Amino acid sequence: MKANVNVGDQKVYRYRVTADDVAAFRGDIVHPVCATFALAREIEWSSRLFVLDMRDDDEEGIGTFLTINHKGPAFVGDEIIFTATVETLQGHELICTFHAYVATRLIAEGKTGQKILKKEKIKQLFGAVGS
């Protein structure tokens, strides 16, 4: 793992909400706004950008937790600006805070956790669960 990330470092990621992102279950639209689960996917990506910089070729990131305080809607066509900030980096564990805005309106905030492990270790972990 590369030691090229420090506490306080930030990554900014922009995402435009599409019709596929709306809150829908089994084909029924609940609300015509970005669903929390779609937001979660993009939040994970915003902090994964650090992992992509840090991992060696024989390593991969694996999510350990995600907390989302979903505070407001993002409508189809809105651009969400995610800012992920390194809160802690201990060993191979990366904890980030994030804020998500549409223009100046905060729509979500929270934390993500990831560990950077050897791909072989991840394969072994998944194999042990599948047995």
N, C-alpha and C. Protein backbone atom coordinates (compact mmCIF):
# COMPACT_ATOMS: atom_id res chain seq x y z
N MET A 1 0.85 -1.18 0.00
CA MET A 1 0.00 0.00 0.00
C MET A 1 0.89 1.24 0.00
N LYS A 2 0.54 2.16 -0.85
CA LYS A 2 1.31 3.40 -0.95
C LYS A 2 0.93 4.34 0.19
N ALA A 3 1.90 5.02 0.74
CA ALA A 3 1.66 6.00 1.82
C ALA A 3 1.57 7.39 1.20
N ASN A 4 0.55 7.58 0.35
CA ASN A 4 0.44 8.84 -0.38
C ASN A 4 -0.83 9.63 -0.04
N VAL A 5 -1.47 9.27 1.08
CA VAL A 5 -2.69 9.93 1.52
C VAL A 5 -2.50 10.34 2.97
N ASN A 6 -2.99 11.53 3.31
CA ASN A 6 -2.86 12.05 4.67
C ASN A 6 -4.22 12.47 5.21
N VAL A 7 -4.33 12.49 6.54
CA VAL A 7 -5.53 13.00 7.19
C VAL A 7 -5.78 14.42 6.67
N GLY A 8 -7.02 14.68 6.33
CA GLY A 8 -7.40 15.99 5.80
C GLY A 8 -7.43 16.07 4.29
N ASP A 9 -6.80 15.11 3.60
CA ASP A 9 -6.85 15.10 2.14
C ASP A 9 -8.29 14.96 1.67
N GLN A 10 -8.60 15.56 0.53
CA GLN A 10 -9.95 15.52 0.01
C GLN A 10 -9.98 15.09 -1.46
N LYS A 11 -11.08 14.46 -1.82
CA LYS A 11 -11.41 14.13 -3.21
C LYS A 11 -12.80 14.69 -3.48
N VAL A 12 -12.94 15.31 -4.63
CA VAL A 12 -14.24 15.84 -5.04
C VAL A 12 -14.70 15.05 -6.26
N TYR A 13 -15.93 14.62 -6.21
CA TYR A 13 -16.52 13.81 -7.27
C TYR A 13 -17.89 14.37 -7.60
N ARG A 14 -18.20 14.48 -8.87
CA ARG A 14 -19.49 15.01 -9.33
C ARG A 14 -20.29 13.92 -10.01
N TYR A 15 -21.58 13.90 -9.72
CA TYR A 15 -22.45 12.89 -10.31
C TYR A 15 -23.79 13.53 -10.67
N ARG A 16 -24.28 13.27 -11.88
CA ARG A 16 -25.58 13.78 -12.30
C ARG A 16 -26.63 12.68 -12.12
N VAL A 17 -27.70 13.00 -11.41
CA VAL A 17 -28.76 12.05 -11.10
C VAL A 17 -29.52 11.69 -12.38
N THR A 18 -29.72 10.40 -12.59
CA THR A 18 -30.46 9.90 -13.75
C THR A 18 -31.79 9.27 -13.31
N ALA A 19 -32.62 8.96 -14.27
CA ALA A 19 -33.90 8.32 -13.97
C ALA A 19 -33.71 6.94 -13.32
N ASP A 20 -32.57 6.30 -13.59
CA ASP A 20 -32.29 4.99 -12.97
C ASP A 20 -31.98 5.10 -11.48
N ASP A 21 -31.74 6.30 -10.99
CA ASP A 21 -31.35 6.51 -9.59
C ASP A 21 -32.53 6.78 -8.66
N VAL A 22 -33.74 6.90 -9.20
CA VAL A 22 -34.87 7.28 -8.34
C VAL A 22 -35.25 6.16 -7.39
N ALA A 23 -35.92 6.53 -6.32
CA ALA A 23 -36.36 5.58 -5.30
C ALA A 23 -37.50 4.74 -5.88
N ALA A 24 -37.16 3.51 -6.22
CA ALA A 24 -38.16 2.59 -6.78
C ALA A 24 -37.88 1.19 -6.26
N PHE A 25 -38.96 0.47 -6.00
CA PHE A 25 -38.85 -0.90 -5.54
C PHE A 25 -39.75 -1.77 -6.41
N ARG A 26 -39.14 -2.80 -6.99
CA ARG A 26 -39.86 -3.76 -7.83
C ARG A 26 -40.68 -3.07 -8.92
N GLY A 27 -40.08 -2.03 -9.50
CA GLY A 27 -40.70 -1.33 -10.61
C GLY A 27 -41.64 -0.20 -10.24
N ASP A 28 -41.94 -0.03 -8.96
CA ASP A 28 -42.84 1.04 -8.53
C ASP A 28 -42.03 2.20 -7.98
N ILE A 29 -42.17 3.38 -8.60
CA ILE A 29 -41.47 4.57 -8.12
C ILE A 29 -42.13 5.07 -6.85
N VAL A 30 -41.32 5.20 -5.81
CA VAL A 30 -41.80 5.71 -4.53
C VAL A 30 -41.73 7.23 -4.52
N HIS A 31 -40.58 7.75 -4.95
CA HIS A 31 -40.35 9.19 -5.04
C HIS A 31 -39.50 9.44 -6.28
N PRO A 32 -39.76 10.49 -7.02
CA PRO A 32 -38.97 10.76 -8.22
C PRO A 32 -37.70 11.56 -7.90
N VAL A 33 -36.97 11.11 -6.88
CA VAL A 33 -35.73 11.74 -6.46
C VAL A 33 -34.66 10.66 -6.27
N CYS A 34 -33.43 11.07 -6.13
CA CYS A 34 -32.33 10.13 -5.95
C CYS A 34 -32.55 9.31 -4.67
N ALA A 35 -32.57 8.00 -4.84
CA ALA A 35 -32.79 7.10 -3.72
C ALA A 35 -31.55 7.05 -2.82
N THR A 36 -31.77 6.76 -1.57
CA THR A 36 -30.66 6.63 -0.64
C THR A 36 -29.70 5.55 -1.09
N PHE A 37 -30.21 4.45 -1.64
CA PHE A 37 -29.31 3.38 -2.07
C PHE A 37 -28.47 3.80 -3.28
N ALA A 38 -29.01 4.62 -4.18
CA ALA A 38 -28.22 5.13 -5.30
C ALA A 38 -27.18 6.13 -4.78
N LEU A 39 -27.58 6.93 -3.83
CA LEU A 39 -26.66 7.87 -3.20
C LEU A 39 -25.51 7.12 -2.54
N ALA A 40 -25.82 6.01 -1.88
CA ALA A 40 -24.79 5.19 -1.21
C ALA A 40 -23.73 4.71 -2.21
N ARG A 41 -24.17 4.29 -3.38
CA ARG A 41 -23.23 3.81 -4.41
C ARG A 41 -22.24 4.92 -4.78
N GLU A 42 -22.75 6.12 -4.96
CA GLU A 42 -21.88 7.23 -5.37
C GLU A 42 -21.00 7.71 -4.22
N ILE A 43 -21.50 7.61 -3.00
CA ILE A 43 -20.69 7.94 -1.82
C ILE A 43 -19.52 6.98 -1.72
N GLU A 44 -19.80 5.70 -1.89
CA GLU A 44 -18.74 4.69 -1.86
C GLU A 44 -17.67 5.03 -2.90
N TRP A 45 -18.11 5.43 -4.08
CA TRP A 45 -17.14 5.76 -5.14
C TRP A 45 -16.29 6.97 -4.73
N SER A 46 -16.90 7.97 -4.10
CA SER A 46 -16.15 9.17 -3.74
C SER A 46 -14.99 8.87 -2.80
N SER A 47 -15.17 7.93 -1.87
CA SER A 47 -14.05 7.59 -0.98
C SER A 47 -13.16 6.50 -1.61
N ARG A 48 -13.69 5.73 -2.52
CA ARG A 48 -12.88 4.73 -3.22
C ARG A 48 -11.80 5.40 -4.06
N LEU A 49 -12.02 6.64 -4.46
CA LEU A 49 -11.00 7.36 -5.23
C LEU A 49 -9.67 7.40 -4.48
N PHE A 50 -9.71 7.45 -3.15
CA PHE A 50 -8.47 7.36 -2.36
C PHE A 50 -7.85 5.98 -2.50
N VAL A 51 -8.69 4.94 -2.41
CA VAL A 51 -8.19 3.57 -2.51
C VAL A 51 -7.48 3.35 -3.84
N LEU A 52 -8.05 3.87 -4.91
CA LEU A 52 -7.43 3.71 -6.22
C LEU A 52 -6.02 4.30 -6.26
N ASP A 53 -5.82 5.39 -5.53
CA ASP A 53 -4.49 6.01 -5.44
C ASP A 53 -3.54 5.22 -4.55
N MET A 54 -4.08 4.58 -3.52
CA MET A 54 -3.26 3.97 -2.46
C MET A 54 -2.88 2.52 -2.71
N ARG A 55 -3.74 1.77 -3.35
CA ARG A 55 -3.54 0.32 -3.45
C ARG A 55 -2.39 -0.01 -4.40
N ASP A 56 -1.72 -1.10 -4.08
CA ASP A 56 -0.73 -1.68 -4.98
C ASP A 56 -1.46 -2.62 -5.94
N ASP A 57 -0.76 -3.09 -6.96
CA ASP A 57 -1.39 -3.95 -7.97
C ASP A 57 -1.97 -5.23 -7.38
N ASP A 58 -1.40 -5.72 -6.30
CA ASP A 58 -1.89 -6.96 -5.69
C ASP A 58 -2.86 -6.71 -4.54
N GLU A 59 -3.41 -5.50 -4.46
CA GLU A 59 -4.32 -5.12 -3.38
C GLU A 59 -5.65 -4.62 -3.94
N GLU A 60 -6.65 -4.63 -3.07
CA GLU A 60 -7.96 -4.10 -3.42
C GLU A 60 -8.62 -3.56 -2.16
N GLY A 61 -9.53 -2.63 -2.34
CA GLY A 61 -10.29 -2.09 -1.21
C GLY A 61 -11.53 -2.92 -0.96
N ILE A 62 -11.93 -2.94 0.29
CA ILE A 62 -13.15 -3.64 0.67
C ILE A 62 -13.88 -2.75 1.68
N GLY A 63 -15.16 -2.51 1.43
CA GLY A 63 -15.93 -1.64 2.31
C GLY A 63 -16.17 -2.29 3.66
N THR A 64 -16.10 -1.47 4.71
CA THR A 64 -16.35 -1.98 6.07
C THR A 64 -17.58 -1.35 6.70
N PHE A 65 -17.92 -0.13 6.31
CA PHE A 65 -19.16 0.47 6.79
C PHE A 65 -19.50 1.72 5.98
N LEU A 66 -20.74 2.12 6.09
CA LEU A 66 -21.23 3.33 5.44
C LEU A 66 -22.36 3.88 6.29
N THR A 67 -22.24 5.14 6.70
CA THR A 67 -23.34 5.81 7.38
C THR A 67 -23.75 7.01 6.53
N ILE A 68 -25.06 7.14 6.37
CA ILE A 68 -25.60 8.23 5.56
C ILE A 68 -26.68 8.94 6.36
N ASN A 69 -26.52 10.22 6.52
CA ASN A 69 -27.59 11.07 7.03
C ASN A 69 -28.15 11.78 5.79
N HIS A 70 -29.26 11.25 5.28
CA HIS A 70 -29.85 11.78 4.04
C HIS A 70 -30.74 12.94 4.44
N LYS A 71 -30.35 14.14 4.08
CA LYS A 71 -30.99 15.35 4.59
C LYS A 71 -31.94 16.03 3.61
N GLY A 72 -31.80 15.73 2.33
CA GLY A 72 -32.66 16.41 1.37
C GLY A 72 -32.61 15.74 0.01
N PRO A 73 -33.53 16.12 -0.88
CA PRO A 73 -33.63 15.45 -2.17
C PRO A 73 -32.63 15.98 -3.20
N ALA A 74 -32.32 15.09 -4.13
CA ALA A 74 -31.63 15.46 -5.37
C ALA A 74 -32.52 14.95 -6.49
N PHE A 75 -32.89 15.82 -7.38
CA PHE A 75 -33.83 15.48 -8.45
C PHE A 75 -33.09 15.00 -9.69
N VAL A 76 -33.80 14.27 -10.54
CA VAL A 76 -33.23 13.82 -11.81
C VAL A 76 -32.70 15.05 -12.55
N GLY A 77 -31.47 14.94 -12.99
CA GLY A 77 -30.81 16.05 -13.67
C GLY A 77 -29.93 16.90 -12.78
N ASP A 78 -30.15 16.82 -11.45
CA ASP A 78 -29.30 17.57 -10.52
C ASP A 78 -27.89 17.02 -10.52
N GLU A 79 -26.92 17.88 -10.34
CA GLU A 79 -25.54 17.44 -10.16
C GLU A 79 -25.25 17.43 -8.65
N ILE A 80 -24.82 16.27 -8.18
CA ILE A 80 -24.43 16.15 -6.77
C ILE A 80 -22.91 16.25 -6.72
N ILE A 81 -22.43 17.09 -5.81
CA ILE A 81 -20.99 17.25 -5.60
C ILE A 81 -20.65 16.60 -4.27
N PHE A 82 -19.85 15.52 -4.36
CA PHE A 82 -19.42 14.78 -3.18
C PHE A 82 -18.01 15.21 -2.82
N THR A 83 -17.79 15.49 -1.55
CA THR A 83 -16.45 15.76 -1.07
C THR A 83 -16.14 14.74 0.02
N ALA A 84 -15.16 13.88 -0.26
CA ALA A 84 -14.71 12.89 0.72
C ALA A 84 -13.43 13.42 1.35
N THR A 85 -13.34 13.30 2.67
CA THR A 85 -12.18 13.80 3.41
C THR A 85 -11.63 12.67 4.27
N VAL A 86 -10.33 12.47 4.21
CA VAL A 86 -9.70 11.44 5.05
C VAL A 86 -9.78 11.89 6.50
N GLU A 87 -10.46 11.08 7.32
CA GLU A 87 -10.56 11.36 8.75
C GLU A 87 -9.45 10.64 9.51
N THR A 88 -9.28 9.35 9.22
CA THR A 88 -8.19 8.58 9.84
C THR A 88 -7.66 7.58 8.83
N LEU A 89 -6.41 7.24 9.02
CA LEU A 89 -5.76 6.18 8.26
C LEU A 89 -4.87 5.45 9.25
N GLN A 90 -5.32 4.26 9.66
CA GLN A 90 -4.56 3.45 10.61
C GLN A 90 -4.29 2.10 9.98
N GLY A 91 -3.02 1.82 9.77
CA GLY A 91 -2.67 0.57 9.10
C GLY A 91 -3.27 0.56 7.72
N HIS A 92 -4.11 -0.43 7.47
CA HIS A 92 -4.75 -0.56 6.16
C HIS A 92 -6.21 -0.11 6.17
N GLU A 93 -6.63 0.58 7.24
CA GLU A 93 -8.02 1.02 7.33
C GLU A 93 -8.12 2.52 7.07
N LEU A 94 -8.99 2.87 6.13
CA LEU A 94 -9.22 4.25 5.73
C LEU A 94 -10.64 4.64 6.14
N ILE A 95 -10.76 5.70 6.92
CA ILE A 95 -12.07 6.23 7.31
C ILE A 95 -12.18 7.62 6.71
N CYS A 96 -13.28 7.85 5.99
CA CYS A 96 -13.53 9.15 5.38
C CYS A 96 -14.86 9.71 5.86
N THR A 97 -14.93 11.01 5.98
CA THR A 97 -16.21 11.69 6.11
C THR A 97 -16.58 12.17 4.72
N PHE A 98 -17.85 12.43 4.51
CA PHE A 98 -18.27 12.98 3.23
C PHE A 98 -19.40 13.97 3.42
N HIS A 99 -19.49 14.86 2.47
CA HIS A 99 -20.61 15.79 2.36
C HIS A 99 -21.06 15.76 0.91
N ALA A 100 -22.36 15.79 0.69
CA ALA A 100 -22.91 15.80 -0.66
C ALA A 100 -23.84 17.00 -0.79
N TYR A 101 -23.60 17.79 -1.82
CA TYR A 101 -24.36 19.00 -2.05
C TYR A 101 -24.96 19.01 -3.45
N VAL A 102 -26.12 19.63 -3.57
CA VAL A 102 -26.65 20.08 -4.85
C VAL A 102 -26.59 21.59 -4.76
N ALA A 103 -25.72 22.18 -5.57
CA ALA A 103 -25.41 23.61 -5.47
C ALA A 103 -24.94 23.89 -4.04
N THR A 104 -25.64 24.74 -3.32
CA THR A 104 -25.23 25.06 -1.94
C THR A 104 -26.06 24.31 -0.90
N ARG A 105 -26.93 23.41 -1.36
CA ARG A 105 -27.84 22.70 -0.45
C ARG A 105 -27.26 21.34 -0.07
N LEU A 106 -27.01 21.16 1.25
CA LEU A 106 -26.51 19.88 1.75
C LEU A 106 -27.62 18.84 1.63
N ILE A 107 -27.30 17.72 0.93
CA ILE A 107 -28.31 16.66 0.82
C ILE A 107 -27.95 15.42 1.62
N ALA A 108 -26.65 15.26 1.94
CA ALA A 108 -26.26 14.09 2.73
C ALA A 108 -24.88 14.32 3.33
N GLU A 109 -24.65 13.62 4.45
CA GLU A 109 -23.33 13.62 5.08
C GLU A 109 -23.19 12.32 5.85
N GLY A 110 -21.95 11.95 6.17
CA GLY A 110 -21.73 10.73 6.92
C GLY A 110 -20.30 10.28 6.83
N LYS A 111 -20.10 8.95 6.94
CA LYS A 111 -18.76 8.36 6.96
C LYS A 111 -18.73 7.07 6.16
N THR A 112 -17.54 6.77 5.67
CA THR A 112 -17.30 5.49 5.02
C THR A 112 -16.06 4.85 5.63
N GLY A 113 -16.02 3.54 5.59
CA GLY A 113 -14.84 2.80 6.03
C GLY A 113 -14.44 1.81 4.96
N GLN A 114 -13.14 1.70 4.74
CA GLN A 114 -12.61 0.73 3.79
C GLN A 114 -11.29 0.21 4.33
N LYS A 115 -11.00 -1.02 3.97
CA LYS A 115 -9.69 -1.60 4.25
C LYS A 115 -9.05 -1.96 2.93
N ILE A 116 -7.75 -1.77 2.86
CA ILE A 116 -7.00 -2.17 1.68
C ILE A 116 -6.25 -3.43 2.05
N LEU A 117 -6.62 -4.52 1.36
CA LEU A 117 -6.07 -5.83 1.65
C LEU A 117 -5.47 -6.44 0.39
N LYS A 118 -4.64 -7.43 0.58
CA LYS A 118 -4.13 -8.20 -0.55
C LYS A 118 -5.31 -8.90 -1.21
N LYS A 119 -5.32 -8.94 -2.53
CA LYS A 119 -6.40 -9.61 -3.26
C LYS A 119 -6.53 -11.06 -2.82
N GLU A 120 -5.41 -11.71 -2.57
CA GLU A 120 -5.43 -13.12 -2.14
C GLU A 120 -6.13 -13.25 -0.79
N LYS A 121 -5.91 -12.30 0.11
CA LYS A 121 -6.56 -12.32 1.42
C LYS A 121 -8.07 -12.17 1.27
N ILE A 122 -8.50 -11.29 0.39
CA ILE A 122 -9.93 -11.10 0.16
C ILE A 122 -10.54 -12.37 -0.41
N LYS A 123 -9.85 -12.98 -1.34
CA LYS A 123 -10.30 -14.24 -1.94
C LYS A 123 -10.47 -15.31 -0.86
N GLN A 124 -9.51 -15.38 0.07
CA GLN A 124 -9.59 -16.35 1.16
C GLN A 124 -10.77 -16.05 2.07
N LEU A 125 -10.97 -14.77 2.39
CA LEU A 125 -12.10 -14.38 3.25
C LEU A 125 -13.43 -14.76 2.61
N PHE A 126 -13.57 -14.47 1.33
CA PHE A 126 -14.82 -14.78 0.65
C PHE A 126 -15.01 -16.29 0.52
N GLY A 127 -13.92 -17.00 0.30
CA GLY A 127 -13.98 -18.47 0.21
C GLY A 127 -14.41 -19.09 1.51
N ALA A 128 -13.93 -18.55 2.64
CA ALA A 128 -14.29 -19.08 3.96
C ALA A 128 -15.79 -18.89 4.23
N VAL A 129 -16.34 -17.80 3.76
CA VAL A 129 -17.77 -17.54 3.97
C VAL A 129 -18.60 -18.45 3.09
N GLY A 130 -18.13 -18.69 1.86
CA GLY A 130 -18.88 -19.51 0.90
C GLY A 130 -18.83 -21.00 1.20
N SER A 131 -18.00 -21.40 2.14
CA SER A 131 -17.86 -22.85 2.44
C SER A 131 -18.95 -23.36 3.34
